[in-house]
Amino acid sequence: MGQRRLCHRFVPGLLLVAACLPPDDKVAKPVVPVDPDVAALVHTWVVADHIVGASSAITASEAASFRGRHIEISRMGYVSPWQGTCEEAGRTKRTRSLGEIIGELDMSSSAASEATAFGLADPVVEYRLSCTDRKRPPPLTVFVSHGRAMTCYGGVCFLMKSS
């Protein structure tokens, strides 16, 4: 128990005396561990550039029109220009190499160097977000590496940075 000290206050015609305790120690807030997936994925991502695939359904100028568009990923869901709004999404994750992803997506021969120049590097974590509150939209797949991200749609991969 803390030391007591006398506190007094003078009121004309009356002297008040009471025992006072020092202020209580501040209670430390519990430390909540940071989920590394949330720290890596949950952001408002901004489309900064794109890589056109070998069999793209979108032209380079159409892909360029997505620059500056946002993909918002929260703990619960996401908003994407391609899939729309999903308020509740499940999430899976796997770690992959950038070369494996570029090969699987049938991208151009320069795609790996373009993605690397943008800041993506091994290892890349693939997050697949599947909407559980609607059945129509295809999953949103986001590849995250070193604070940068990439998502692909219509044969074009959009390179993103967090805002």
C-alpha atoms as a PDB file:
ATOM      1  CA  MET A   1       0.000   0.000   0.000  1.00  0.00           C
ATOM      2  CA  GLY A   2       1.292   3.470  -0.829  1.00  0.00           C
ATOM      3  CA  GLN A   3       2.431   5.974   1.759  1.00  0.00           C
ATOM      4  CA  ARG A   4      -0.215   8.250   3.173  1.00  0.00           C
ATOM      5  CA  ARG A   5       0.266  11.943   3.317  1.00  0.00           C
ATOM      6  CA  LEU A   6      -1.865  14.625   4.837  1.00  0.00           C
ATOM      7  CA  CYS A   7      -3.871  16.748   2.487  1.00  0.00           C
ATOM      8  CA  HIS A   8      -5.545  19.870   3.647  1.00  0.00           C
ATOM      9  CA  ARG A   9      -7.619  22.612   2.222  1.00  0.00           C
ATOM     10  CA  PHE A  10      -8.270  25.901   3.889  1.00  0.00           C
ATOM     11  CA  VAL A  11     -11.828  27.106   3.893  1.00  0.00           C
ATOM     12  CA  PRO A  12     -12.397  30.336   5.847  1.00  0.00           C
ATOM     13  CA  GLY A  13     -13.577  29.382   9.307  1.00  0.00           C
ATOM     14  CA  LEU A  14     -12.940  25.677   8.712  1.00  0.00           C
ATOM     15  CA  LEU A  15      -9.894  23.512   8.291  1.00  0.00           C
ATOM     16  CA  LEU A  16     -10.384  20.203   6.490  1.00  0.00           C
ATOM     17  CA  VAL A  17      -7.806  17.499   7.023  1.00  0.00           C
ATOM     18  CA  ALA A  18      -7.894  14.074   5.356  1.00  0.00           C
ATOM     19  CA  ALA A  19      -5.508  11.251   4.606  1.00  0.00           C
ATOM     20  CA  CYS A  20      -4.667  11.112   0.886  1.00  0.00           C
ATOM     21  CA  LEU A  21      -3.095   8.312  -1.083  1.00  0.00           C
ATOM     22  CA  PRO A  22      -0.777   8.799  -4.011  1.00  0.00           C
ATOM     23  CA  PRO A  23      -2.383   8.294  -7.398  1.00  0.00           C
ATOM     24  CA  ASP A  24      -2.904   4.708  -8.520  1.00  0.00           C
ATOM     25  CA  ASP A  25      -0.323   3.194 -10.799  1.00  0.00           C
ATOM     26  CA  LYS A  26      -1.429   3.133 -14.434  1.00  0.00           C
ATOM     27  CA  VAL A  27      -2.716  -0.262 -15.425  1.00  0.00           C
ATOM     28  CA  ALA A  28      -0.852  -1.624 -18.408  1.00  0.00           C
ATOM     29  CA  LYS A  29      -3.091  -2.601 -21.306  1.00  0.00           C
ATOM     30  CA  PRO A  30      -2.651  -6.194 -22.375  1.00  0.00           C
ATOM     31  CA  VAL A  31      -0.517  -6.619 -25.468  1.00  0.00           C
ATOM     32  CA  VAL A  32      -2.577  -8.085 -28.290  1.00  0.00           C
ATOM     33  CA  PRO A  33      -0.426 -10.119 -30.667  1.00  0.00           C
ATOM     34  CA  VAL A  34      -0.482  -8.853 -34.251  1.00  0.00           C
ATOM     35  CA  ASP A  35      -1.729 -11.374 -36.793  1.00  0.00           C
ATOM     36  CA  PRO A  36       0.961 -11.333 -39.517  1.00  0.00           C
ATOM     37  CA  ASP A  37      -1.632 -12.092 -42.202  1.00  0.00           C
ATOM     38  CA  VAL A  38      -3.717  -9.107 -41.168  1.00  0.00           C
ATOM     39  CA  ALA A  39      -0.626  -6.886 -41.069  1.00  0.00           C
ATOM     40  CA  ALA A  40       0.386  -7.999 -44.584  1.00  0.00           C
ATOM     41  CA  LEU A  41      -3.006  -8.146 -46.302  1.00  0.00           C
ATOM     42  CA  VAL A  42      -5.455  -5.758 -44.636  1.00  0.00           C
ATOM     43  CA  HIS A  43      -4.914  -2.460 -46.428  1.00  0.00           C
ATOM     44  CA  THR A  44      -6.395  -0.188 -48.998  1.00  0.00           C
ATOM     45  CA  TRP A  45      -4.321  -1.209 -52.001  1.00  0.00           C
ATOM     46  CA  VAL A  46      -3.880   1.188 -54.926  1.00  0.00           C
ATOM     47  CA  VAL A  47      -3.255  -0.033 -58.466  1.00  0.00           C
ATOM     48  CA  ALA A  48       0.072   1.493 -59.493  1.00  0.00           C
ATOM     49  CA  ASP A  49       0.953  -0.445 -62.655  1.00  0.00           C
ATOM     50  CA  HIS A  50       0.073  -3.554 -64.644  1.00  0.00           C
ATOM     51  CA  ILE A  51       1.561  -6.445 -66.580  1.00  0.00           C
ATOM     52  CA  VAL A  52      -0.346  -7.680 -69.624  1.00  0.00           C
ATOM     53  CA  GLY A  53      -0.437 -11.442 -70.000  1.00  0.00           C
ATOM     54  CA  ALA A  54       0.235 -13.433 -73.157  1.00  0.00           C
ATOM     55  CA  SER A  55      -3.470 -14.175 -73.691  1.00  0.00           C
ATOM     56  CA  SER A  56      -5.048 -11.110 -72.135  1.00  0.00           C
ATOM     57  CA  ALA A  57      -8.677 -10.221 -72.747  1.00  0.00           C
ATOM     58  CA  ILE A  58      -7.869  -6.615 -71.783  1.00  0.00           C
ATOM     59  CA  THR A  59      -5.713  -4.254 -73.845  1.00  0.00           C
ATOM     60  CA  ALA A  60      -2.788  -2.374 -72.323  1.00  0.00           C
ATOM     61  CA  SER A  61      -4.722   0.923 -72.510  1.00  0.00           C
ATOM     62  CA  GLU A  62      -7.754  -0.644 -70.802  1.00  0.00           C
ATOM     63  CA  ALA A  63      -5.454  -2.013 -68.098  1.00  0.00           C
ATOM     64  CA  ALA A  64      -3.851   1.418 -67.670  1.00  0.00           C
ATOM     65  CA  SER A  65      -7.297   2.885 -66.946  1.00  0.00           C
ATOM     66  CA  PHE A  66      -7.287   0.970 -63.632  1.00  0.00           C
ATOM     67  CA  ARG A  67      -4.344   2.989 -62.288  1.00  0.00           C
ATOM     68  CA  GLY A  68      -5.266   4.684 -59.054  1.00  0.00           C
ATOM     69  CA  ARG A  69      -8.237   2.371 -58.417  1.00  0.00           C
ATOM     70  CA  HIS A  70      -8.527   0.902 -54.920  1.00  0.00           C
ATOM     71  CA  ILE A  71      -8.928  -2.588 -53.572  1.00  0.00           C
ATOM     72  CA  GLU A  72      -9.942  -2.395 -49.937  1.00  0.00           C
ATOM     73  CA  ILE A  73      -9.298  -5.471 -47.842  1.00  0.00           C
ATOM     74  CA  SER A  74     -10.551  -5.556 -44.270  1.00  0.00           C
ATOM     75  CA  ARG A  75     -10.457  -8.264 -41.615  1.00  0.00           C
ATOM     76  CA  MET A  76     -13.913  -9.387 -42.670  1.00  0.00           C
ATOM     77  CA  GLY A  77     -14.200  -8.818 -46.427  1.00  0.00           C
ATOM     78  CA  TYR A  78     -13.132  -6.752 -49.403  1.00  0.00           C
ATOM     79  CA  VAL A  79     -14.154  -4.318 -52.135  1.00  0.00           C
ATOM     80  CA  SER A  80     -12.649  -4.828 -55.589  1.00  0.00           C
ATOM     81  CA  PRO A  81     -13.303  -3.203 -58.983  1.00  0.00           C
ATOM     82  CA  TRP A  82     -13.694  -6.705 -60.445  1.00  0.00           C
ATOM     83  CA  GLN A  83     -15.533  -8.715 -57.789  1.00  0.00           C
ATOM     84  CA  GLY A  84     -17.537  -5.899 -56.193  1.00  0.00           C
ATOM     85  CA  THR A  85     -18.253  -5.749 -52.467  1.00  0.00           C
ATOM     86  CA  CYS A  86     -17.951  -8.791 -50.252  1.00  0.00           C
ATOM     87  CA  GLU A  87     -18.784  -8.146 -46.615  1.00  0.00           C
ATOM     88  CA  GLU A  88     -17.810 -11.623 -45.398  1.00  0.00           C
ATOM     89  CA  ALA A  89     -14.969 -13.600 -46.926  1.00  0.00           C
ATOM     90  CA  GLY A  90     -13.079 -16.740 -46.045  1.00  0.00           C
ATOM     91  CA  ARG A  91      -9.318 -16.690 -46.517  1.00  0.00           C
ATOM     92  CA  THR A  92      -6.740 -19.284 -47.489  1.00  0.00           C
ATOM     93  CA  LYS A  93      -3.022 -18.756 -47.716  1.00  0.00           C
ATOM     94  CA  ARG A  94       0.013 -20.413 -49.234  1.00  0.00           C
ATOM     95  CA  THR A  95       3.606 -19.377 -49.815  1.00  0.00           C
ATOM     96  CA  ARG A  96       4.957 -19.577 -53.367  1.00  0.00           C
ATOM     97  CA  SER A  97       7.777 -18.384 -55.577  1.00  0.00           C
ATOM     98  CA  LEU A  98       7.270 -15.447 -57.918  1.00  0.00           C
ATOM     99  CA  GLY A  99       8.521 -17.490 -60.886  1.00  0.00           C
ATOM    100  CA  GLU A 100       5.957 -20.216 -60.217  1.00  0.00           C
ATOM    101  CA  ILE A 101       3.133 -17.650 -60.080  1.00  0.00           C
ATOM    102  CA  ILE A 102       4.227 -15.851 -63.270  1.00  0.00           C
ATOM    103  CA  GLY A 103       4.504 -19.191 -65.106  1.00  0.00           C
ATOM    104  CA  GLU A 104       1.095 -20.361 -63.913  1.00  0.00           C
ATOM    105  CA  LEU A 105      -0.544 -17.095 -65.001  1.00  0.00           C
ATOM    106  CA  ASP A 106       0.899 -17.388 -68.539  1.00  0.00           C
ATOM    107  CA  MET A 107       2.450 -13.939 -68.355  1.00  0.00           C
ATOM    108  CA  SER A 108       4.936 -12.408 -70.795  1.00  0.00           C
ATOM    109  CA  SER A 109       8.634 -13.285 -70.597  1.00  0.00           C
ATOM    110  CA  SER A 110       9.387  -9.884 -69.056  1.00  0.00           C
ATOM    111  CA  ALA A 111       6.676 -10.216 -66.368  1.00  0.00           C
ATOM    112  CA  ALA A 112       8.988 -11.588 -63.670  1.00  0.00           C
ATOM    113  CA  SER A 113      11.480  -8.747 -64.093  1.00  0.00           C
ATOM    114  CA  GLU A 114       8.667  -6.155 -64.153  1.00  0.00           C
ATOM    115  CA  ALA A 115       7.175  -7.588 -60.941  1.00  0.00           C
ATOM    116  CA  THR A 116      10.610  -7.694 -59.304  1.00  0.00           C
ATOM    117  CA  ALA A 117      11.353  -4.096 -60.344  1.00  0.00           C
ATOM    118  CA  PHE A 118       8.050  -3.113 -58.719  1.00  0.00           C
ATOM    119  CA  GLY A 119       9.131  -4.680 -55.422  1.00  0.00           C
ATOM    120  CA  LEU A 120       7.709  -8.192 -55.438  1.00  0.00           C
ATOM    121  CA  ALA A 121      10.248 -10.844 -54.452  1.00  0.00           C
ATOM    122  CA  ASP A 122      10.369 -14.351 -53.046  1.00  0.00           C
ATOM    123  CA  PRO A 123       8.694 -15.524 -50.976  1.00  0.00           C
ATOM    124  CA  VAL A 124       5.257 -14.431 -52.164  1.00  0.00           C
ATOM    125  CA  VAL A 125       2.202 -15.172 -50.045  1.00  0.00           C
ATOM    126  CA  GLU A 126      -0.918 -15.991 -52.017  1.00  0.00           C
ATOM    127  CA  TYR A 127      -4.178 -15.090 -50.276  1.00  0.00           C
ATOM    128  CA  ARG A 128      -7.397 -16.358 -51.806  1.00  0.00           C
ATOM    129  CA  LEU A 129     -10.454 -14.520 -50.492  1.00  0.00           C
ATOM    130  CA  SER A 130     -13.740 -16.315 -51.147  1.00  0.00           C
ATOM    131  CA  CYS A 131     -16.959 -14.429 -50.574  1.00  0.00           C
ATOM    132  CA  THR A 132     -19.231 -16.267 -48.138  1.00  0.00           C
ATOM    133  CA  ASP A 133     -22.144 -13.798 -48.192  1.00  0.00           C
ATOM    134  CA  ARG A 134     -22.665 -14.058 -51.982  1.00  0.00           C
ATOM    135  CA  LYS A 135     -22.154 -16.966 -54.383  1.00  0.00           C
ATOM    136  CA  ARG A 136     -21.487 -15.193 -57.676  1.00  0.00           C
ATOM    137  CA  PRO A 137     -18.090 -13.476 -57.592  1.00  0.00           C
ATOM    138  CA  PRO A 138     -14.960 -15.509 -58.252  1.00  0.00           C
ATOM    139  CA  PRO A 139     -12.402 -15.482 -55.438  1.00  0.00           C
ATOM    140  CA  LEU A 140     -10.106 -12.481 -55.138  1.00  0.00           C
ATOM    141  CA  THR A 141      -6.525 -13.713 -55.237  1.00  0.00           C
ATOM    142  CA  VAL A 142      -3.882 -11.332 -53.931  1.00  0.00           C
ATOM    143  CA  PHE A 143      -0.158 -12.048 -54.016  1.00  0.00           C
ATOM    144  CA  VAL A 144       1.690 -10.133 -51.274  1.00  0.00           C
ATOM    145  CA  SER A 145       5.436  -9.652 -50.941  1.00  0.00           C
ATOM    146  CA  HIS A 146       7.523  -7.076 -49.084  1.00  0.00           C
ATOM    147  CA  GLY A 147       4.704  -4.544 -48.687  1.00  0.00           C
ATOM    148  CA  ARG A 148       3.631  -4.765 -52.333  1.00  0.00           C
ATOM    149  CA  ALA A 149       0.831  -6.781 -53.902  1.00  0.00           C
ATOM    150  CA  MET A 150      -0.464  -8.092 -57.200  1.00  0.00           C
ATOM    151  CA  THR A 151      -3.871  -9.319 -58.291  1.00  0.00           C
ATOM    152  CA  CYS A 152      -4.839 -10.595 -61.709  1.00  0.00           C
ATOM    153  CA  TYR A 153      -8.005 -10.307 -63.748  1.00  0.00           C
ATOM    154  CA  GLY A 154      -8.732 -10.964 -67.424  1.00  0.00           C
ATOM    155  CA  GLY A 155      -5.137 -11.925 -68.194  1.00  0.00           C
ATOM    156  CA  VAL A 156      -3.670  -8.757 -66.678  1.00  0.00           C
ATOM    157  CA  CYS A 157      -1.844  -8.578 -63.360  1.00  0.00           C
ATOM    158  CA  PHE A 158      -2.266  -5.322 -61.489  1.00  0.00           C
ATOM    159  CA  LEU A 159       0.634  -4.232 -59.303  1.00  0.00           C
ATOM    160  CA  MET A 160      -0.459  -2.502 -56.102  1.00  0.00           C
ATOM    161  CA  LYS A 161       0.991  -0.576 -53.197  1.00  0.00           C
ATOM    162  CA  SER A 162      -0.724   0.195 -49.912  1.00  0.00           C
ATOM    163  CA  SER A 163      -2.081   3.686 -49.480  1.00  0.00           C
END
